[in-house]
N, C-alpha and C. Protein backbone atom coordinates (compact mmCIF):
# COMPACT_ATOMS: atom_id res chain seq x y z
N MET A 1 29.85 1.92 -2.88
CA MET A 1 28.81 2.84 -3.20
C MET A 1 28.27 1.93 -4.49
N TYR A 2 26.85 1.54 -4.34
CA TYR A 2 26.36 0.85 -5.47
C TYR A 2 25.94 1.62 -6.58
N LYS A 3 26.36 1.28 -7.93
CA LYS A 3 26.25 1.88 -9.12
C LYS A 3 25.43 1.17 -10.07
N PRO A 4 24.45 1.18 -10.46
CA PRO A 4 23.70 0.59 -11.84
C PRO A 4 24.52 -0.34 -12.60
N TYR A 5 25.79 0.44 -13.19
CA TYR A 5 26.63 -0.28 -14.10
C TYR A 5 26.77 -1.50 -13.58
N ASP A 6 27.35 -1.48 -12.16
CA ASP A 6 27.74 -2.78 -11.59
C ASP A 6 26.76 -3.85 -11.50
N GLU A 7 25.60 -3.61 -11.39
CA GLU A 7 24.44 -4.40 -11.59
C GLU A 7 24.15 -4.98 -13.01
N THR A 8 24.36 -3.99 -14.09
CA THR A 8 24.33 -4.30 -15.42
C THR A 8 25.35 -5.55 -15.77
N GLU A 9 26.65 -5.28 -15.44
CA GLU A 9 27.62 -6.16 -15.48
C GLU A 9 27.74 -7.46 -14.91
N SER A 10 27.19 -7.39 -13.67
CA SER A 10 27.29 -8.50 -12.73
C SER A 10 26.05 -9.42 -13.43
N LEU A 11 24.96 -8.82 -14.06
CA LEU A 11 24.14 -9.55 -14.72
C LEU A 11 24.44 -10.35 -16.09
N ARG A 12 25.45 -9.44 -16.75
CA ARG A 12 25.72 -9.86 -17.66
C ARG A 12 26.75 -11.24 -17.77
N LYS A 13 27.47 -10.95 -16.66
CA LYS A 13 28.51 -11.97 -16.39
C LYS A 13 27.68 -13.27 -15.95
N ASP A 14 26.67 -13.16 -15.31
CA ASP A 14 25.94 -14.55 -14.67
C ASP A 14 25.44 -14.96 -15.98
N LEU A 15 24.81 -14.20 -17.04
CA LEU A 15 24.10 -14.78 -18.14
C LEU A 15 25.28 -15.44 -19.01
N LEU A 16 26.35 -14.73 -19.19
CA LEU A 16 27.37 -15.42 -19.95
C LEU A 16 27.81 -16.70 -19.40
N ASP A 17 27.98 -16.72 -18.02
CA ASP A 17 28.59 -18.01 -17.44
C ASP A 17 27.55 -19.13 -17.48
N GLU A 18 26.27 -18.92 -17.70
CA GLU A 18 25.15 -19.84 -18.10
C GLU A 18 25.15 -20.06 -19.34
N ALA A 19 25.48 -19.17 -20.47
CA ALA A 19 25.52 -19.74 -21.73
C ALA A 19 26.54 -20.37 -22.22
N TYR A 20 27.85 -19.93 -21.44
CA TYR A 20 29.08 -20.75 -21.77
C TYR A 20 28.78 -21.98 -21.26
N ALA A 21 28.14 -22.41 -20.30
CA ALA A 21 28.02 -23.70 -19.40
C ALA A 21 26.93 -24.25 -20.64
N GLY A 22 26.37 -23.80 -21.04
CA GLY A 22 25.38 -24.54 -22.01
C GLY A 22 26.08 -24.94 -23.08
N VAL A 23 26.88 -24.04 -23.40
CA VAL A 23 27.72 -24.57 -25.05
C VAL A 23 28.55 -25.73 -24.67
N PHE A 24 29.34 -25.84 -23.42
CA PHE A 24 30.21 -26.67 -23.04
C PHE A 24 29.35 -28.17 -22.58
N SER A 25 27.96 -27.90 -22.59
CA SER A 25 27.60 -29.30 -21.83
C SER A 25 26.79 -30.01 -23.28
N GLY A 26 27.20 -29.19 -24.63
CA GLY A 26 26.48 -30.08 -25.74
C GLY A 26 25.42 -29.05 -26.44
N LEU A 27 24.93 -27.89 -25.70
CA LEU A 27 24.02 -26.97 -26.35
C LEU A 27 24.61 -26.05 -27.13
N GLY A 28 25.27 -26.42 -28.29
CA GLY A 28 26.03 -25.38 -29.06
C GLY A 28 25.26 -24.35 -29.64
N ALA A 29 24.05 -24.50 -29.89
CA ALA A 29 23.32 -23.10 -30.03
C ALA A 29 23.28 -21.77 -28.94
N MET A 30 23.72 -22.24 -28.02
CA MET A 30 23.73 -21.33 -27.17
C MET A 30 24.78 -20.45 -27.07
N ILE A 31 25.85 -20.70 -28.17
CA ILE A 31 26.95 -19.54 -28.31
C ILE A 31 26.43 -18.45 -29.06
N LEU A 32 25.12 -18.67 -29.74
CA LEU A 32 24.40 -17.55 -30.02
C LEU A 32 23.98 -16.62 -29.10
N ASP A 33 23.51 -17.13 -28.18
CA ASP A 33 22.97 -16.31 -26.90
C ASP A 33 24.07 -15.58 -26.20
N ALA A 34 25.26 -16.33 -26.14
CA ALA A 34 26.31 -15.41 -25.51
C ALA A 34 26.76 -14.43 -26.52
N ASP A 35 26.77 -14.53 -27.67
CA ASP A 35 27.13 -13.21 -28.42
C ASP A 35 26.10 -11.99 -28.28
N GLU A 36 24.83 -12.60 -28.14
CA GLU A 36 23.55 -11.63 -27.88
C GLU A 36 23.86 -10.94 -26.71
N ILE A 37 24.07 -11.63 -25.50
CA ILE A 37 24.49 -11.14 -24.20
C ILE A 37 25.75 -10.10 -24.10
N ARG A 38 26.82 -10.60 -24.77
CA ARG A 38 28.03 -9.73 -24.90
C ARG A 38 27.29 -8.14 -25.56
N ASN A 39 26.71 -7.99 -26.55
CA ASN A 39 26.38 -6.89 -27.15
C ASN A 39 25.04 -6.27 -26.62
N ALA A 40 24.46 -6.92 -25.76
CA ALA A 40 23.19 -6.33 -24.96
C ALA A 40 23.53 -5.27 -24.37
N ASP A 41 22.22 -4.06 -24.26
CA ASP A 41 22.28 -2.96 -23.33
C ASP A 41 21.75 -3.60 -22.04
N LYS A 42 21.23 -2.53 -21.07
CA LYS A 42 20.88 -2.83 -19.96
C LYS A 42 19.41 -3.41 -20.15
N ASP A 43 18.47 -2.69 -20.99
CA ASP A 43 17.26 -3.33 -21.11
C ASP A 43 17.28 -4.54 -21.67
N GLU A 44 17.96 -4.79 -22.76
CA GLU A 44 17.83 -6.04 -23.41
C GLU A 44 18.62 -7.23 -22.60
N LEU A 45 19.48 -7.03 -21.66
CA LEU A 45 19.77 -8.04 -20.65
C LEU A 45 18.72 -8.42 -19.74
N LYS A 46 17.87 -7.41 -19.48
CA LYS A 46 16.88 -7.63 -18.62
C LYS A 46 15.88 -8.74 -19.34
N GLU A 47 15.76 -8.52 -20.44
CA GLU A 47 14.90 -9.51 -21.27
C GLU A 47 15.49 -10.67 -21.52
N ILE A 48 16.65 -10.93 -21.63
CA ILE A 48 17.41 -12.03 -21.54
C ILE A 48 17.35 -13.00 -20.14
N ALA A 49 17.54 -12.18 -19.21
CA ALA A 49 17.26 -12.97 -18.04
C ALA A 49 15.83 -13.44 -17.79
N ARG A 50 15.11 -12.67 -18.29
CA ARG A 50 13.73 -13.29 -18.09
C ARG A 50 13.57 -14.75 -19.03
N ARG A 51 14.39 -14.54 -20.30
CA ARG A 51 14.28 -15.56 -21.16
C ARG A 51 14.91 -17.02 -20.19
N TYR A 52 15.86 -16.57 -19.35
CA TYR A 52 16.65 -17.57 -18.79
C TYR A 52 15.85 -18.00 -17.15
N GLY A 53 14.80 -17.24 -17.08
CA GLY A 53 13.97 -17.64 -15.83
C GLY A 53 14.73 -17.07 -14.50
N LYS A 54 15.38 -15.80 -14.92
CA LYS A 54 16.08 -14.92 -13.92
C LYS A 54 15.27 -13.53 -13.44
N GLY A 55 14.33 -13.53 -14.08
CA GLY A 55 13.25 -12.23 -13.56
C GLY A 55 11.86 -12.57 -13.17
């Protein structure tokens, strides 16, 4: 069964993967994005996704 929680956590995982990739490729400032993503609620995650071009 589909649950909104699953969608939110899936989005969080995708955004964290992208932020970590940026950090490891030399964009160290993206570690701040990773912290923001870990602590974001559902609406904040959607805003971050828009910033990343995923919305």
